[in-house]
Protein backbone atom coordinates (compact mmCIF):
# COMPACT_ATOMS: atom_id res chain seq x y z
CA PRO A 1 96.51 87.56 114.27
CA ARG A 2 99.67 87.30 116.36
CA ALA A 3 101.05 90.43 117.96
CA LEU A 4 104.50 91.88 117.41
CA GLY A 5 106.82 90.71 120.19
CA TYR A 6 109.74 92.45 121.88
CA ILE A 7 112.45 90.90 124.05
CA PRO A 8 114.70 93.36 125.90
CA VAL A 9 118.30 92.12 125.97
CA TRP A 10 120.08 95.07 127.58
CA GLU A 11 118.78 98.46 128.72
CA GLN A 12 120.48 101.43 130.30
CA GLU A 13 119.90 105.18 130.20
CA ASP A 14 121.51 105.91 126.81
CA PHE A 15 121.81 102.46 125.20
CA GLU A 16 119.41 99.62 124.46
CA ILE A 17 119.53 96.23 122.73
CA GLY A 18 116.38 94.26 121.98
CA ILE A 19 114.86 91.74 119.61
CA PHE A 20 111.62 92.34 117.72
CA ALA A 21 109.71 89.19 116.69
CA PHE A 22 107.44 89.98 113.73
CA PRO A 23 104.61 87.67 112.67
CA PRO A 24 104.15 87.45 108.87
CA GLY A 25 103.16 90.84 107.41
CA ALA A 26 103.37 92.70 110.74
CA THR A 27 104.31 96.38 110.55
CA ILE A 28 105.95 98.91 112.84
CA PRO A 29 104.39 102.11 111.45
CA LEU A 30 106.32 105.18 110.31
CA HIS A 31 108.31 106.61 113.23
CA ASP A 32 111.64 108.22 114.06
CA HIS A 33 114.40 108.15 116.66
CA PRO A 34 115.37 111.82 117.17
CA GLY A 35 119.05 112.30 117.94
CA MET A 36 119.79 108.56 117.78
CA PHE A 37 121.92 106.10 115.82
CA VAL A 38 120.22 102.72 115.31
CA ILE A 39 121.43 99.41 113.89
CA SER A 40 118.73 96.90 112.91
CA HIS A 41 120.02 93.41 112.04
CA VAL A 42 117.74 90.70 110.60
CA LEU A 43 118.26 87.40 112.46
CA TYR A 44 115.85 85.41 110.29
CA GLY A 45 113.18 86.02 107.68
CA SER A 46 112.89 89.21 105.64
CA LEU A 47 111.96 92.80 106.39
CA GLU A 48 110.82 95.59 104.05
CA VAL A 49 112.29 98.93 105.15
CA LYS A 50 111.03 102.33 103.99
CA SER A 51 113.35 105.12 105.13
CA TYR A 52 113.04 108.89 104.78
CA ASP A 53 115.16 111.96 105.49
CA LEU A 54 114.26 115.54 106.32
CA ASP A 55 115.70 118.20 104.02
CA SER A 56 117.03 121.56 105.24
CA GLN A 57 113.49 123.02 105.14
CA GLY A 58 112.13 120.20 107.29
CA GLU A 59 110.35 118.51 104.38
CA ILE A 60 110.29 114.71 104.23
CA THR A 61 112.06 113.21 101.22
CA ARG A 62 112.07 109.54 100.24
CA LYS A 63 115.49 108.07 100.81
CA GLU A 64 115.17 104.36 100.10
CA THR A 65 112.93 101.32 100.10
CA GLY A 66 114.42 97.87 100.23
CA VAL A 67 114.13 94.37 101.59
CA LEU A 68 116.56 93.09 104.19
CA LYS A 69 117.12 89.34 104.37
CA GLU A 70 118.71 87.18 107.05
CA SER A 71 122.10 88.63 108.13
CA ASP A 72 121.42 92.04 106.48
CA SER A 73 121.54 95.25 108.53
CA SER A 74 120.07 98.72 108.27
CA LEU A 75 121.73 101.84 109.69
CA LEU A 76 119.72 104.83 110.84
CA PHE A 77 121.56 108.04 111.62
CA GLU A 78 120.41 111.19 113.41
CA ASN A 79 119.82 112.95 110.07
CA GLU A 80 119.77 110.07 107.57
CA ASN A 81 117.16 107.28 107.19
CA ASN A 82 115.86 108.26 110.63
CA ILE A 83 112.17 108.29 109.72
CA HIS A 84 111.29 104.71 108.85
CA GLU A 85 108.72 101.91 108.69
CA PHE A 86 109.29 98.14 108.93
CA THR A 87 107.08 95.38 107.46
CA ALA A 88 107.84 91.67 107.91
CA GLY A 89 107.90 89.31 104.95
CA LYS A 90 105.60 86.35 104.40
CA ASP A 91 107.44 84.14 106.89
CA GLY A 92 107.81 86.81 109.59
CA CYS A 93 111.21 87.80 110.94
CA ALA A 94 113.30 88.56 114.01
CA VAL A 95 115.30 91.79 114.18
CA LEU A 96 118.06 92.69 116.66
CA ASP A 97 117.94 96.43 117.36
CA ILE A 98 120.78 98.39 118.90
CA LEU A 99 119.79 101.94 119.84
């Protein structure tokens, strides 16, 4: 199986832009970006996104599950949709991430 690829476009101390290249069915497991705002934009293919929030007691609650297609974007905020998992569709995908 092919590995998930990453191409850094721009990196500095508090800002990063990169492109993830997903083979078909590849997954970035559940993770978060504490204190960050993230835009993920699908350049081609499709991407299933599972996003979660933490409630005021620190419990994880399901927020949304959906499929992003070419030209769709996902927004992750410090306290909203921040815990998330990505899975590429059957044709793979490329995703531009701005963190």
